PDB file of N, CA and C in Angstrom:
ATOM      1  N   MET A   1     232.930 115.347 302.309  1.00  0.00           N
ATOM      2  CA  MET A   1     233.739 116.347 302.955  1.00  0.00           C
ATOM      3  C   MET A   1     234.618 117.062 301.919  1.00  0.00           C
ATOM      4  N   LYS A   2     235.123 116.310 300.992  1.00  0.00           N
ATOM      5  CA  LYS A   2     235.992 116.911 299.981  1.00  0.00           C
ATOM      6  C   LYS A   2     235.232 117.929 299.137  1.00  0.00           C
ATOM      7  N   VAL A   3     234.001 117.616 298.779  1.00  0.00           N
ATOM      8  CA  VAL A   3     233.205 118.540 297.974  1.00  0.00           C
ATOM      9  C   VAL A   3     233.015 119.848 298.727  1.00  0.00           C
ATOM     10  N   TRP A   4     232.661 119.755 300.009  1.00  0.00           N
ATOM     11  CA  TRP A   4     232.455 120.956 300.828  1.00  0.00           C
ATOM     12  C   TRP A   4     233.739 121.785 300.884  1.00  0.00           C
ATOM     13  N   THR A   5     234.838 121.129 301.173  1.00  0.00           N
ATOM     14  CA  THR A   5     236.129 121.822 301.273  1.00  0.00           C
ATOM     15  C   THR A   5     236.502 122.477 299.954  1.00  0.00           C
ATOM     16  N   ASP A   6     236.302 121.766 298.857  1.00  0.00           N
ATOM     17  CA  ASP A   6     236.599 122.328 297.537  1.00  0.00           C
ATOM     18  C   ASP A   6     235.756 123.564 297.256  1.00  0.00           C
ATOM     19  N   LEU A   7     234.471 123.504 297.606  1.00  0.00           N
ATOM     20  CA  LEU A   7     233.594 124.661 297.392  1.00  0.00           C
ATOM     21  C   LEU A   7     234.021 125.852 298.252  1.00  0.00           C
ATOM     22  N   GLU A   8     234.367 125.596 299.503  1.00  0.00           N
ATOM     23  CA  GLU A   8     234.834 126.682 300.371  1.00  0.00           C
ATOM     24  C   GLU A   8     236.094 127.332 299.798  1.00  0.00           C
ATOM     25  N   GLN A   9     237.015 126.520 299.333  1.00  0.00           N
ATOM     26  CA  GLN A   9     238.264 127.054 298.774  1.00  0.00           C
ATOM     27  C   GLN A   9     237.993 127.837 297.494  1.00  0.00           C
ATOM     28  N   ARG A  10     237.113 127.334 296.668  1.00  0.00           N
ATOM     29  CA  ARG A  10     236.763 128.041 295.438  1.00  0.00           C
ATOM     30  C   ARG A  10     236.116 129.393 295.775  1.00  0.00           C
ATOM     31  N   HIS A  11     235.243 129.387 296.777  1.00  0.00           N
ATOM     32  CA  HIS A  11     234.570 130.620 297.187  1.00  0.00           C
ATOM     33  C   HIS A  11     235.572 131.664 297.671  1.00  0.00           C
ATOM     34  N   GLU A  12     236.561 131.227 298.428  1.00  0.00           N
ATOM     35  CA  GLU A  12     237.579 132.139 298.944  1.00  0.00           C
ATOM     36  C   GLU A  12     238.359 132.836 297.825  1.00  0.00           C
ATOM     37  N   LYS A  13     238.521 132.158 296.712  1.00  0.00           N
ATOM     38  CA  LYS A  13     239.286 132.712 295.590  1.00  0.00           C
ATOM     39  C   LYS A  13     238.468 133.676 294.741  1.00  0.00           C
ATOM     40  N   LEU A  14     237.162 133.625 294.864  1.00  0.00           N
ATOM     41  CA  LEU A  14     236.282 134.456 294.040  1.00  0.00           C
ATOM     42  C   LEU A  14     236.001 135.791 294.723  1.00  0.00           C
ATOM     43  N   VAL A  15     236.981 136.668 294.666  1.00  0.00           N
ATOM     44  CA  VAL A  15     236.882 137.974 295.307  1.00  0.00           C
ATOM     45  C   VAL A  15     236.692 139.039 294.231  1.00  0.00           C
ATOM     46  N   GLY A  16     235.864 140.004 294.515  1.00  0.00           N
ATOM     47  CA  GLY A  16     235.668 141.111 293.593  1.00  0.00           C
ATOM     48  C   GLY A  16     234.385 141.001 292.797  1.00  0.00           C
ATOM     49  N   ALA A  17     233.951 142.144 292.314  1.00  0.00           N
ATOM     50  CA  ALA A  17     232.690 142.224 291.577  1.00  0.00           C
ATOM     51  C   ALA A  17     232.689 141.386 290.305  1.00  0.00           C
ATOM     52  N   GLU A  18     233.850 141.230 289.696  1.00  0.00           N
ATOM     53  CA  GLU A  18     233.907 140.466 288.449  1.00  0.00           C
ATOM     54  C   GLU A  18     233.613 138.981 288.653  1.00  0.00           C
ATOM     55  N   HIS A  19     233.631 138.520 289.898  1.00  0.00           N
ATOM     56  CA  HIS A  19     233.369 137.112 290.203  1.00  0.00           C
ATOM     57  C   HIS A  19     232.035 136.912 290.921  1.00  0.00           C
ATOM     58  N   LYS A  20     231.201 137.939 290.901  1.00  0.00           N
ATOM     59  CA  LYS A  20     229.941 137.883 291.645  1.00  0.00           C
ATOM     60  C   LYS A  20     229.067 136.696 291.241  1.00  0.00           C
ATOM     61  N   GLU A  21     228.898 136.475 289.953  1.00  0.00           N
ATOM     62  CA  GLU A  21     228.045 135.372 289.495  1.00  0.00           C
ATOM     63  C   GLU A  21     228.621 134.015 289.874  1.00  0.00           C
ATOM     64  N   ALA A  22     229.914 133.842 289.691  1.00  0.00           N
ATOM     65  CA  ALA A  22     230.551 132.570 290.046  1.00  0.00           C
ATOM     66  C   ALA A  22     230.459 132.335 291.549  1.00  0.00           C
ATOM     67  N   ARG A  23     230.688 133.392 292.334  1.00  0.00           N
ATOM     68  CA  ARG A  23     230.609 133.284 293.797  1.00  0.00           C
ATOM     69  C   ARG A  23     229.195 132.888 294.210  1.00  0.00           C
ATOM     70  N   HIS A  24     228.207 133.495 293.575  1.00  0.00           N
ATOM     71  CA  HIS A  24     226.806 133.165 293.872  1.00  0.00           C
ATOM     72  C   HIS A  24     226.520 131.690 293.563  1.00  0.00           C
ATOM     73  N   GLY A  25     227.066 131.191 292.469  1.00  0.00           N
ATOM     74  CA  GLY A  25     226.882 129.787 292.117  1.00  0.00           C
ATOM     75  C   GLY A  25     227.464 128.846 293.160  1.00  0.00           C
ATOM     76  N   VAL A  26     228.630 129.182 293.664  1.00  0.00           N
ATOM     77  CA  VAL A  26     229.263 128.368 294.713  1.00  0.00           C
ATOM     78  C   VAL A  26     228.423 128.436 295.991  1.00  0.00           C
ATOM     79  N   GLU A  27     227.922 129.617 296.318  1.00  0.00           N
ATOM     80  CA  GLU A  27     227.075 129.758 297.504  1.00  0.00           C
ATOM     81  C   GLU A  27     225.815 128.912 297.391  1.00  0.00           C
ATOM     82  N   GLN A  28     225.228 128.851 296.202  1.00  0.00           N
ATOM     83  CA  GLN A  28     224.056 128.006 295.979  1.00  0.00           C
ATOM     84  C   GLN A  28     224.400 126.532 296.209  1.00  0.00           C
ATOM     85  N   GLN A  29     225.570 126.124 295.755  1.00  0.00           N
ATOM     86  CA  GLN A  29     225.998 124.726 295.947  1.00  0.00           C
ATOM     87  C   GLN A  29     226.203 124.431 297.433  1.00  0.00           C
ATOM     88  N   LEU A  30     226.781 125.362 298.173  1.00  0.00           N
ATOM     89  CA  LEU A  30     226.971 125.169 299.612  1.00  0.00           C
ATOM     90  C   LEU A  30     225.622 125.060 300.321  1.00  0.00           C
ATOM     91  N   ARG A  31     224.675 125.912 299.942  1.00  0.00           N
ATOM     92  CA  ARG A  31     223.333 125.835 300.547  1.00  0.00           C
ATOM     93  C   ARG A  31     222.675 124.493 300.231  1.00  0.00           C
ATOM     94  N   HIS A  32     222.855 124.027 299.007  1.00  0.00           N
ATOM     95  CA  HIS A  32     222.274 122.745 298.606  1.00  0.00           C
ATOM     96  C   HIS A  32     222.861 121.597 299.440  1.00  0.00           C
ATOM     97  N   LEU A  33     224.163 121.608 299.626  1.00  0.00           N
ATOM     98  CA  LEU A  33     224.799 120.573 300.460  1.00  0.00           C
ATOM     99  C   LEU A  33     224.300 120.645 301.899  1.00  0.00           C
ATOM    100  N   ALA A  34     224.167 121.855 302.416  1.00  0.00           N
ATOM    101  CA  ALA A  34     223.652 122.016 303.781  1.00  0.00           C
ATOM    102  C   ALA A  34     222.247 121.425 303.879  1.00  0.00           C
ATOM    103  N   ARG A  35     221.419 121.677 302.878  1.00  0.00           N
ATOM    104  CA  ARG A  35     220.061 121.133 302.870  1.00  0.00           C
ATOM    105  C   ARG A  35     220.092 119.607 302.849  1.00  0.00           C
ATOM    106  N   GLU A  36     220.954 119.031 302.018  1.00  0.00           N
ATOM    107  CA  GLU A  36     221.057 117.570 301.948  1.00  0.00           C
ATOM    108  C   GLU A  36     221.482 116.979 303.292  1.00  0.00           C
ATOM    109  N   ILE A  37     222.442 117.610 303.933  1.00  0.00           N
ATOM    110  CA  ILE A  37     222.930 117.118 305.224  1.00  0.00           C
ATOM    111  C   ILE A  37     221.823 117.171 306.271  1.00  0.00           C
ATOM    112  N   LYS A  38     221.095 118.297 306.339  1.00  0.00           N
ATOM    113  CA  LYS A  38     220.063 118.450 307.359  1.00  0.00           C
ATOM    114  C   LYS A  38     218.857 117.560 307.085  1.00  0.00           C
ATOM    115  N   GLN A  39     218.548 117.308 305.825  1.00  0.00           N
ATOM    116  CA  GLN A  39     217.384 116.493 305.505  1.00  0.00           C
ATOM    117  C   GLN A  39     217.652 115.002 305.649  1.00  0.00           C
ATOM    118  N   ASP A  40     218.915 114.613 305.646  1.00  0.00           N
ATOM    119  CA  ASP A  40     219.280 113.212 305.843  1.00  0.00           C
ATOM    120  C   ASP A  40     219.749 113.066 307.290  1.00  0.00           C
ATOM    121  N   GLY A  41     218.806 112.821 308.175  1.00  0.00           N
ATOM    122  CA  GLY A  41     219.102 112.750 309.610  1.00  0.00           C
ATOM    123  C   GLY A  41     220.270 111.852 309.969  1.00  0.00           C
ATOM    124  N   PRO A  42     220.281 110.589 309.492  1.00  0.00           N
ATOM    125  CA  PRO A  42     221.399 109.706 309.842  1.00  0.00           C
ATOM    126  C   PRO A  42     222.753 110.247 309.359  1.00  0.00           C
ATOM    127  N   LEU A  43     222.775 110.824 308.167  1.00  0.00           N
ATOM    128  CA  LEU A  43     224.023 111.385 307.655  1.00  0.00           C
ATOM    129  C   LEU A  43     224.488 112.540 308.535  1.00  0.00           C
ATOM    130  N   GLY A  44     223.585 113.444 308.857  1.00  0.00           N
ATOM    131  CA  GLY A  44     223.938 114.590 309.697  1.00  0.00           C
ATOM    132  C   GLY A  44     224.464 114.167 311.059  1.00  0.00           C
ATOM    133  N   ARG A  45     223.788 113.200 311.668  1.00  0.00           N
ATOM    134  CA  ARG A  45     224.228 112.713 312.989  1.00  0.00           C
ATOM    135  C   ARG A  45     225.594 112.052 312.908  1.00  0.00           C
ATOM    136  N   THR A  46     225.802 111.245 311.871  1.00  0.00           N
ATOM    137  CA  THR A  46     227.090 110.569 311.712  1.00  0.00           C
ATOM    138  C   THR A  46     228.206 111.577 311.505  1.00  0.00           C
ATOM    139  N   LEU A  47     227.968 112.568 310.651  1.00  0.00           N
ATOM    140  CA  LEU A  47     228.986 113.598 310.425  1.00  0.00           C
ATOM    141  C   LEU A  47     229.288 114.364 311.706  1.00  0.00           C
ATOM    142  N   GLN A  48     228.263 114.670 312.469  1.00  0.00           N
ATOM    143  CA  GLN A  48     228.482 115.407 313.717  1.00  0.00           C
ATOM    144  C   GLN A  48     229.253 114.551 314.723  1.00  0.00           C
ATOM    145  N   GLU A  49     228.892 113.283 314.842  1.00  0.00           N
ATOM    146  CA  GLU A  49     229.577 112.397 315.787  1.00  0.00           C
ATOM    147  C   GLU A  49     231.039 112.183 315.420  1.00  0.00           C
ATOM    148  N   ARG A  50     231.330 112.148 314.138  1.00  0.00           N
ATOM    149  CA  ARG A  50     232.691 111.870 313.682  1.00  0.00           C
ATOM    150  C   ARG A  50     233.412 113.107 313.153  1.00  0.00           C
ATOM    151  N   SER A  51     232.876 114.266 313.428  1.00  0.00           N
ATOM    152  CA  SER A  51     233.384 115.494 312.825  1.00  0.00           C
ATOM    153  C   SER A  51     234.882 115.699 313.029  1.00  0.00           C
ATOM    154  N   ARG A  52     235.370 115.517 314.228  1.00  0.00           N
ATOM    155  CA  ARG A  52     236.802 115.760 314.484  1.00  0.00           C
ATOM    156  C   ARG A  52     237.677 114.757 313.744  1.00  0.00           C
ATOM    157  N   SER A  53     237.264 113.494 313.723  1.00  0.00           N
ATOM    158  CA  SER A  53     238.072 112.490 313.021  1.00  0.00           C
ATOM    159  C   SER A  53     238.015 112.680 311.508  1.00  0.00           C
ATOM    160  N   LEU A  54     236.976 113.369 311.030  1.00  0.00           N
ATOM    161  CA  LEU A  54     236.863 113.655 309.598  1.00  0.00           C
ATOM    162  C   LEU A  54     237.573 114.953 309.210  1.00  0.00           C
ATOM    163  N   GLY A  55     238.102 115.643 310.201  1.00  0.00           N
ATOM    164  CA  GLY A  55     238.823 116.881 309.915  1.00  0.00           C
ATOM    165  C   GLY A  55     237.947 118.118 309.861  1.00  0.00           C
ATOM    166  N   ILE A  56     236.735 118.032 310.383  1.00  0.00           N
ATOM    167  CA  ILE A  56     235.850 119.198 310.419  1.00  0.00           C
ATOM    168  C   ILE A  56     236.251 120.043 311.623  1.00  0.00           C
ATOM    169  N   GLU A  57     236.728 121.239 311.346  1.00  0.00           N
ATOM    170  CA  GLU A  57     237.230 122.105 312.414  1.00  0.00           C
ATOM    171  C   GLU A  57     236.093 122.708 313.219  1.00  0.00           C
ATOM    172  N   MET A  58     236.281 122.774 314.527  1.00  0.00           N
ATOM    173  CA  MET A  58     235.309 123.378 315.405  1.00  0.00           C
ATOM    174  C   MET A  58     235.127 124.846 315.012  1.00  0.00           C
ATOM    175  N   GLY A  59     233.887 125.250 314.824  1.00  0.00           N
ATOM    176  CA  GLY A  59     233.585 126.624 314.466  1.00  0.00           C
ATOM    177  C   GLY A  59     233.589 126.904 312.970  1.00  0.00           C
ATOM    178  N   SER A  60     233.963 125.912 312.164  1.00  0.00           N
ATOM    179  CA  SER A  60     233.952 126.093 310.709  1.00  0.00           C
ATOM    180  C   SER A  60     232.504 126.145 310.223  1.00  0.00           C
ATOM    181  N   PRO A  61     232.280 126.683 309.018  1.00  0.00           N
ATOM    182  CA  PRO A  61     230.904 126.699 308.508  1.00  0.00           C
ATOM    183  C   PRO A  61     230.251 125.309 308.504  1.00  0.00           C
ATOM    184  N   LEU A  62     230.994 124.277 308.127  1.00  0.00           N
ATOM    185  CA  LEU A  62     230.413 122.936 308.119  1.00  0.00           C
ATOM    186  C   LEU A  62     230.067 122.478 309.534  1.00  0.00           C
ATOM    187  N   ASP A  63     230.910 122.754 310.490  1.00  0.00           N
ATOM    188  CA  ASP A  63     230.624 122.431 311.884  1.00  0.00           C
ATOM    189  C   ASP A  63     229.345 123.134 312.341  1.00  0.00           C
ATOM    190  N   GLU A  64     229.206 124.394 311.961  1.00  0.00           N
ATOM    191  CA  GLU A  64     228.015 125.157 312.334  1.00  0.00           C
ATOM    192  C   GLU A  64     226.758 124.597 311.665  1.00  0.00           C
ATOM    193  N   VAL A  65     226.880 124.162 310.421  1.00  0.00           N
ATOM    194  CA  VAL A  65     225.751 123.537 309.722  1.00  0.00           C
ATOM    195  C   VAL A  65     225.317 122.281 310.470  1.00  0.00           C
ATOM    196  N   LEU A  66     226.274 121.471 310.869  1.00  0.00           N
ATOM    197  CA  LEU A  66     225.954 120.233 311.579  1.00  0.00           C
ATOM    198  C   LEU A  66     225.251 120.501 312.905  1.00  0.00           C
ATOM    199  N   LYS A  67     225.585 121.596 313.559  1.00  0.00           N
ATOM    200  CA  LYS A  67     224.999 121.935 314.859  1.00  0.00           C
ATOM    201  C   LYS A  67     223.679 122.698 314.752  1.00  0.00           C
ATOM    202  N   ALA A  68     223.384 123.245 313.578  1.00  0.00           N
ATOM    203  CA  ALA A  68     222.183 124.065 313.404  1.00  0.00           C
ATOM    204  C   ALA A  68     220.927 123.261 313.716  1.00  0.00           C
ATOM    205  N   ARG A  69     219.983 123.916 314.370  1.00  0.00           N
ATOM    206  CA  ARG A  69     218.740 123.243 314.757  1.00  0.00           C
ATOM    207  C   ARG A  69     217.707 123.203 313.630  1.00  0.00           C
ATOM    208  N   THR A  70     217.801 124.152 312.700  1.00  0.00           N
ATOM    209  CA  THR A  70     216.823 124.196 311.614  1.00  0.00           C
ATOM    210  C   THR A  70     217.528 124.191 310.266  1.00  0.00           C
ATOM    211  N   LEU A  71     216.785 123.788 309.248  1.00  0.00           N
ATOM    212  CA  LEU A  71     217.305 123.784 307.890  1.00  0.00           C
ATOM    213  C   LEU A  71     217.648 125.202 307.448  1.00  0.00           C
ATOM    214  N   GLU A  72     216.784 126.149 307.763  1.00  0.00           N
ATOM    215  CA  GLU A  72     217.019 127.532 307.359  1.00  0.00           C
ATOM    216  C   GLU A  72     218.310 128.067 307.956  1.00  0.00           C
ATOM    217  N   ARG A  73     218.522 127.793 309.229  1.00  0.00           N
ATOM    218  CA  ARG A  73     219.745 128.266 309.899  1.00  0.00           C
ATOM    219  C   ARG A  73     220.970 127.563 309.303  1.00  0.00           C
ATOM    220  N   ALA A  74     220.855 126.293 309.009  1.00  0.00           N
ATOM    221  CA  ALA A  74     221.970 125.551 308.414  1.00  0.00           C
ATOM    222  C   ALA A  74     222.352 126.150 307.071  1.00  0.00           C
ATOM    223  N   GLN A  75     221.359 126.500 306.271  1.00  0.00           N
ATOM    224  CA  GLN A  75     221.655 127.081 304.964  1.00  0.00           C
ATOM    225  C   GLN A  75     222.307 128.454 305.108  1.00  0.00           C
ATOM    226  N   GLU A  76     221.879 129.225 306.073  1.00  0.00           N
ATOM    227  CA  GLU A  76     222.496 130.527 306.326  1.00  0.00           C
ATOM    228  C   GLU A  76     223.948 130.349 306.764  1.00  0.00           C
ATOM    229  N   LEU A  77     224.178 129.403 307.648  1.00  0.00           N
ATOM    230  CA  LEU A  77     225.523 129.177 308.185  1.00  0.00           C
ATOM    231  C   LEU A  77     226.456 128.495 307.197  1.00  0.00           C
ATOM    232  N   SER A  78     225.908 127.945 306.123  1.00  0.00           N
ATOM    233  CA  SER A  78     226.750 127.259 305.142  1.00  0.00           C
ATOM    234  C   SER A  78     227.652 128.227 304.390  1.00  0.00           C
ATOM    235  N   LEU A  79     227.309 129.492 304.402  1.00  0.00           N
ATOM    236  CA  LEU A  79     228.096 130.485 303.676  1.00  0.00           C
ATOM    237  C   LEU A  79     229.260 130.979 304.520  1.00  0.00           C
ATOM    238  N   PRO A  80     230.386 131.206 303.879  1.00  0.00           N
ATOM    239  CA  PRO A  80     231.521 131.789 304.610  1.00  0.00           C
ATOM    240  C   PRO A  80     231.118 133.133 305.218  1.00  0.00           C
ATOM    241  N   ALA A  81     231.764 133.508 306.307  1.00  0.00           N
ATOM    242  CA  ALA A  81     231.400 134.705 307.063  1.00  0.00           C
ATOM    243  C   ALA A  81     231.313 135.957 306.197  1.00  0.00           C
ATOM    244  N   ARG A  82     232.235 136.132 305.275  1.00  0.00           N
ATOM    245  CA  ARG A  82     232.211 137.367 304.477  1.00  0.00           C
ATOM    246  C   ARG A  82     230.974 137.461 303.603  1.00  0.00           C
ATOM    247  N   SER A  83     230.401 136.340 303.236  1.00  0.00           N
ATOM    248  CA  SER A  83     229.181 136.356 302.437  1.00  0.00           C
ATOM    249  C   SER A  83     227.951 136.612 303.293  1.00  0.00           C
ATOM    250  N   ARG A  84     228.081 136.411 304.576  1.00  0.00           N
ATOM    251  CA  ARG A  84     226.977 136.686 305.500  1.00  0.00           C
ATOM    252  C   ARG A  84     227.076 138.097 306.067  1.00  0.00           C
ATOM    253  N   GLY A  85     228.043 138.888 305.579  1.00  0.00           N
ATOM    254  CA  GLY A  85     228.194 140.256 306.065  1.00  0.00           C
ATOM    255  C   GLY A  85     228.973 140.350 307.349  1.00  0.00           C
ATOM    256  N   ILE A  86     229.699 139.302 307.690  1.00  0.00           N
ATOM    257  CA  ILE A  86     230.490 139.304 308.913  1.00  0.00           C
ATOM    258  C   ILE A  86     231.944 139.385 308.519  1.00  0.00           C
ATOM    259  N   GLU A  87     232.583 140.430 308.918  1.00  0.00           N
ATOM    260  CA  GLU A  87     233.999 140.592 308.646  1.00  0.00           C
ATOM    261  C   GLU A  87     234.776 140.231 309.903  1.00  0.00           C
ATOM    262  N   ARG A  88     235.999 139.825 309.730  1.00  0.00           N
ATOM    263  CA  ARG A  88     236.836 139.465 310.874  1.00  0.00           C
ATOM    264  C   ARG A  88     236.928 140.617 311.857  1.00  0.00           C
ATOM    265  N   GLY A  89     236.651 140.302 313.111  1.00  0.00           N
ATOM    266  CA  GLY A  89     236.760 141.299 314.168  1.00  0.00           C
ATOM    267  C   GLY A  89     235.598 142.259 314.238  1.00  0.00           C
ATOM    268  N   LEU A  90     234.643 142.158 313.315  1.00  0.00           N
ATOM    269  CA  LEU A  90     233.502 143.067 313.319  1.00  0.00           C
ATOM    270  C   LEU A  90     232.198 142.341 313.494  1.00  0.00           C
ATOM    271  N   GLY A  91     232.209 141.200 314.143  1.00  0.00           N
ATOM    272  CA  GLY A  91     231.004 140.409 314.325  1.00  0.00           C
ATOM    273  C   GLY A  91     229.983 141.131 315.171  1.00  0.00           C
ATOM    274  N   LEU A  92     229.278 142.072 314.570  1.00  0.00           N
ATOM    275  CA  LEU A  92     228.299 142.872 315.302  1.00  0.00           C
ATOM    276  C   LEU A  92     226.993 142.165 315.434  1.00  0.00           C
TER     277      LEU A  92
END
């Protein structure tokens, strides 16, 4: 959980074109973690069952990864909203 949180926080700080490569690297790490979680069935189920006690907020990217039905969807949802082209209040 700490690794995921650290990556999310690092991603949030990498704003602007000058940080594009670093931001992409963090996004790759988030996708990799999402893949590991989805491919390890027992781990994914345990995290989902204990999500609230572990501090995983409802609706957070990690929560969405845990709920995703497919690996592809989990990897897409692993990225923060702004990286998926979703801006606050403009979820079209």
